[in-house]
Amino acid sequence: MVFQKGNIEFIMESLETKCDHDYVEYFRKVPNTKLLYTFRVVKLATAFTIDITVKVVKTQRVFYKMENIKGCEFLRNPLLFKMFGEVYNQLVVNGSYFKCPIKPKVYYLKNEGAVSIIPSIHPPGRFQLSMRVRMAESRAPFVMEMLWKYKIVRIK
C-alpha cells in the first residue's frame, strides 16, 4: 500500500500482529480482506496502557517513543491525545468504539490509521512503528501488539 502525504510517500511494507493468548486469544487478519483485522478478548480488561515506539529498521535506533498512555483515559476522550485520536478513529470499524472495561468478545480493526500518525516532516528511510497494549495483570510483556514496517520516500 502506498499513500502520499504532502511531499512524502508512505509505503506500507507489512503489518504483524501478536497477542499473549491469555487475555487476547488471537489477533490476526480477517481472511479475504485487505485491511481488516480481528482479535478476541477472553478476560475482562479493566485497565491497560499503550506504548508506541518508532524505530529506524536498519539500526534499531529509537526515533519516537511514548509509554504508559492510560488506555481507559484515551478511550474516554481520544481527542486529548491529538494524533493518536485520529489514528484511533481510523482503526475503528463501523463506529464501534471501545469502552472500559473491555468486555470479552470478538473485535475488529481497520489497518488505515498508521498513515495519519506520520508527521509531514518525517525523514526518509525504513522504519517500524510498534503499538503495544499492556496490562498489569498479565505476565506477558504485552497482551496485543501491532508492528508496522514502512518506508518514507521524499517526492520531488
Protein backbone atom coordinates (compact mmCIF):
# COMPACT_ATOMS: atom_id res chain seq x y z
CA MET A 1 0.00 0.00 0.00
CA VAL A 2 1.27 3.45 -0.94
CA PHE A 3 -0.05 6.75 0.44
CA GLN A 4 1.01 10.32 -0.22
CA LYS A 5 1.03 13.00 2.48
CA GLY A 6 2.44 16.37 1.49
CA ASN A 7 5.84 15.89 -0.12
CA ILE A 8 6.40 12.38 1.26
CA GLU A 9 5.30 8.98 0.06
CA PHE A 10 4.41 6.43 2.73
CA ILE A 11 4.89 2.81 1.61
CA MET A 12 3.36 0.22 3.96
CA GLU A 13 5.57 -2.86 3.73
CA SER A 14 3.99 -5.12 6.36
CA LEU A 15 1.88 -5.39 9.47
CA GLU A 16 2.47 -8.08 12.07
CA THR A 17 0.07 -8.76 14.91
CA LYS A 18 0.82 -10.66 18.12
CA CYS A 19 -1.05 -11.42 21.33
CA ASP A 20 -0.49 -13.13 24.67
CA HIS A 21 -3.07 -15.95 24.11
CA ASP A 22 -4.22 -15.37 27.70
CA TYR A 23 -6.18 -12.09 27.75
CA VAL A 24 -6.31 -11.95 23.95
CA GLU A 25 -6.82 -15.38 22.40
CA TYR A 26 -5.98 -14.37 18.82
CA PHE A 27 -5.15 -11.27 16.79
CA ARG A 28 -4.99 -11.75 13.02
CA LYS A 29 -6.02 -10.56 9.59
CA VAL A 30 -9.57 -11.42 8.52
CA PRO A 31 -9.36 -13.89 5.60
CA ASN A 32 -10.11 -12.49 2.12
CA THR A 33 -9.77 -8.85 3.22
CA LYS A 34 -7.04 -6.26 2.72
CA LEU A 35 -7.31 -4.03 5.77
CA LEU A 36 -9.50 -5.81 8.33
CA TYR A 37 -8.08 -7.45 11.48
CA THR A 38 -9.84 -9.27 14.29
CA PHE A 39 -9.00 -10.14 17.88
CA ARG A 40 -10.79 -11.96 20.66
CA VAL A 41 -10.64 -10.70 24.23
CA VAL A 42 -11.27 -13.60 26.65
CA LYS A 43 -10.86 -11.86 30.04
CA LEU A 44 -12.32 -8.57 31.23
CA ALA A 45 -9.80 -5.74 30.77
CA THR A 46 -10.46 -3.09 33.40
CA ALA A 47 -7.24 -1.11 32.87
CA PHE A 48 -4.42 -1.12 30.32
CA THR A 49 -1.62 1.04 28.99
CA ILE A 50 -0.41 1.70 25.46
CA ASP A 51 3.22 2.06 24.35
CA ILE A 52 4.09 3.49 20.93
CA THR A 53 7.61 3.30 19.53
CA VAL A 54 9.04 4.22 16.14
CA LYS A 55 12.49 2.83 15.29
CA VAL A 56 14.83 3.02 12.33
CA VAL A 57 14.79 -0.53 10.86
CA LYS A 58 18.49 -0.74 9.97
CA THR A 59 19.97 0.49 13.26
CA GLN A 60 17.01 -0.08 15.63
CA ARG A 61 17.62 3.48 16.90
CA VAL A 62 14.53 4.87 18.64
CA PHE A 63 13.08 7.73 16.59
CA TYR A 64 10.00 8.36 18.78
CA LYS A 65 8.68 6.80 21.96
CA MET A 66 5.62 7.34 24.11
CA GLU A 67 4.97 4.94 27.00
CA ASN A 68 2.27 4.24 29.55
CA ILE A 69 -0.60 6.06 27.85
CA LYS A 70 -3.54 5.24 30.12
CA GLY A 71 -5.82 3.24 27.82
CA CYS A 72 -9.16 3.90 29.53
CA GLU A 73 -8.49 7.66 29.67
CA PHE A 74 -7.61 7.54 25.98
CA LEU A 75 -10.84 5.65 25.13
CA ARG A 76 -12.95 8.12 27.15
CA ASN A 77 -11.53 11.10 25.25
CA PRO A 78 -9.25 10.24 22.29
CA LEU A 79 -9.09 13.90 21.23
CA LEU A 80 -6.89 14.65 24.27
CA PHE A 81 -4.18 12.61 22.57
CA LYS A 82 -4.33 14.57 19.28
CA MET A 83 -2.65 12.48 16.57
CA PHE A 84 -3.38 9.17 18.33
CA GLY A 85 -7.07 10.11 18.45
CA GLU A 86 -7.05 10.46 14.67
CA VAL A 87 -5.38 7.04 14.30
CA TYR A 88 -7.94 5.50 16.67
CA ASN A 89 -10.84 6.92 14.63
CA GLN A 90 -9.40 5.31 11.51
CA LEU A 91 -8.81 1.93 13.21
CA VAL A 92 -12.40 1.66 14.48
CA VAL A 93 -14.76 -0.41 12.33
CA ASN A 94 -18.35 0.80 11.73
CA GLY A 95 -18.22 3.31 14.59
CA SER A 96 -17.88 0.54 17.20
CA TYR A 97 -15.72 2.46 19.68
CA PHE A 98 -14.21 0.59 22.63
CA LYS A 99 -15.28 1.35 26.19
CA CYS A 100 -13.68 0.41 29.51
CA PRO A 101 -13.84 -2.11 30.87
CA ILE A 102 -13.24 -4.00 27.63
CA LYS A 103 -15.55 -6.98 27.72
CA PRO A 104 -14.71 -10.46 26.47
CA LYS A 105 -15.85 -10.74 22.82
CA VAL A 106 -14.57 -10.53 19.23
CA TYR A 107 -13.49 -7.08 17.98
CA TYR A 108 -12.40 -5.71 14.59
CA LEU A 109 -9.88 -3.05 13.49
CA LYS A 110 -9.07 -1.49 10.09
CA ASN A 111 -5.42 -1.03 9.18
CA GLU A 112 -5.85 2.54 7.95
CA GLY A 113 -4.62 4.58 10.89
CA ALA A 114 -0.84 4.37 10.63
CA VAL A 115 -0.55 6.95 7.85
CA SER A 116 -2.13 9.75 9.88
CA ILE A 117 0.42 9.34 12.68
CA ILE A 118 3.33 10.05 10.30
CA PRO A 119 4.36 13.71 10.56
CA SER A 120 4.90 15.60 7.29
CA ILE A 121 8.48 16.38 8.43
CA HIS A 122 9.32 12.66 8.74
CA PRO A 123 12.82 11.85 7.38
CA PRO A 124 13.14 9.36 4.53
CA GLY A 125 14.13 5.74 5.22
CA ARG A 126 12.73 2.45 6.54
CA PHE A 127 11.02 2.43 9.93
CA GLN A 128 8.92 0.27 12.20
CA LEU A 129 6.10 1.52 14.39
CA SER A 130 5.00 -0.70 17.25
CA MET A 131 1.87 -0.23 19.31
CA ARG A 132 1.72 -2.45 22.40
CA VAL A 133 -1.17 -2.85 24.80
CA ARG A 134 -0.05 -3.90 28.27
CA MET A 135 -1.95 -4.98 31.37
CA ALA A 136 -0.52 -5.21 34.88
CA GLU A 137 -2.40 -8.49 35.47
CA SER A 138 -0.70 -10.22 32.53
CA ARG A 139 2.68 -11.91 33.00
CA ALA A 140 3.43 -11.36 29.30
CA PRO A 141 5.27 -8.20 28.17
CA PHE A 142 2.11 -7.21 26.24
CA VAL A 143 -1.39 -8.53 25.58
CA MET A 144 -1.52 -7.20 22.00
CA GLU A 145 0.98 -5.76 19.56
CA MET A 146 0.77 -4.26 16.08
CA LEU A 147 4.09 -3.82 14.27
CA TRP A 148 4.01 -1.79 11.05
CA LYS A 149 7.08 -1.72 8.81
CA TYR A 150 7.11 1.15 6.36
CA LYS A 151 9.28 3.24 4.09
CA ILE A 152 9.26 7.02 3.63
CA VAL A 153 10.35 8.47 0.30
CA ARG A 154 10.65 12.20 -0.49
CA ILE A 155 8.69 13.33 -3.56
CA LYS A 156 10.43 15.99 -5.64
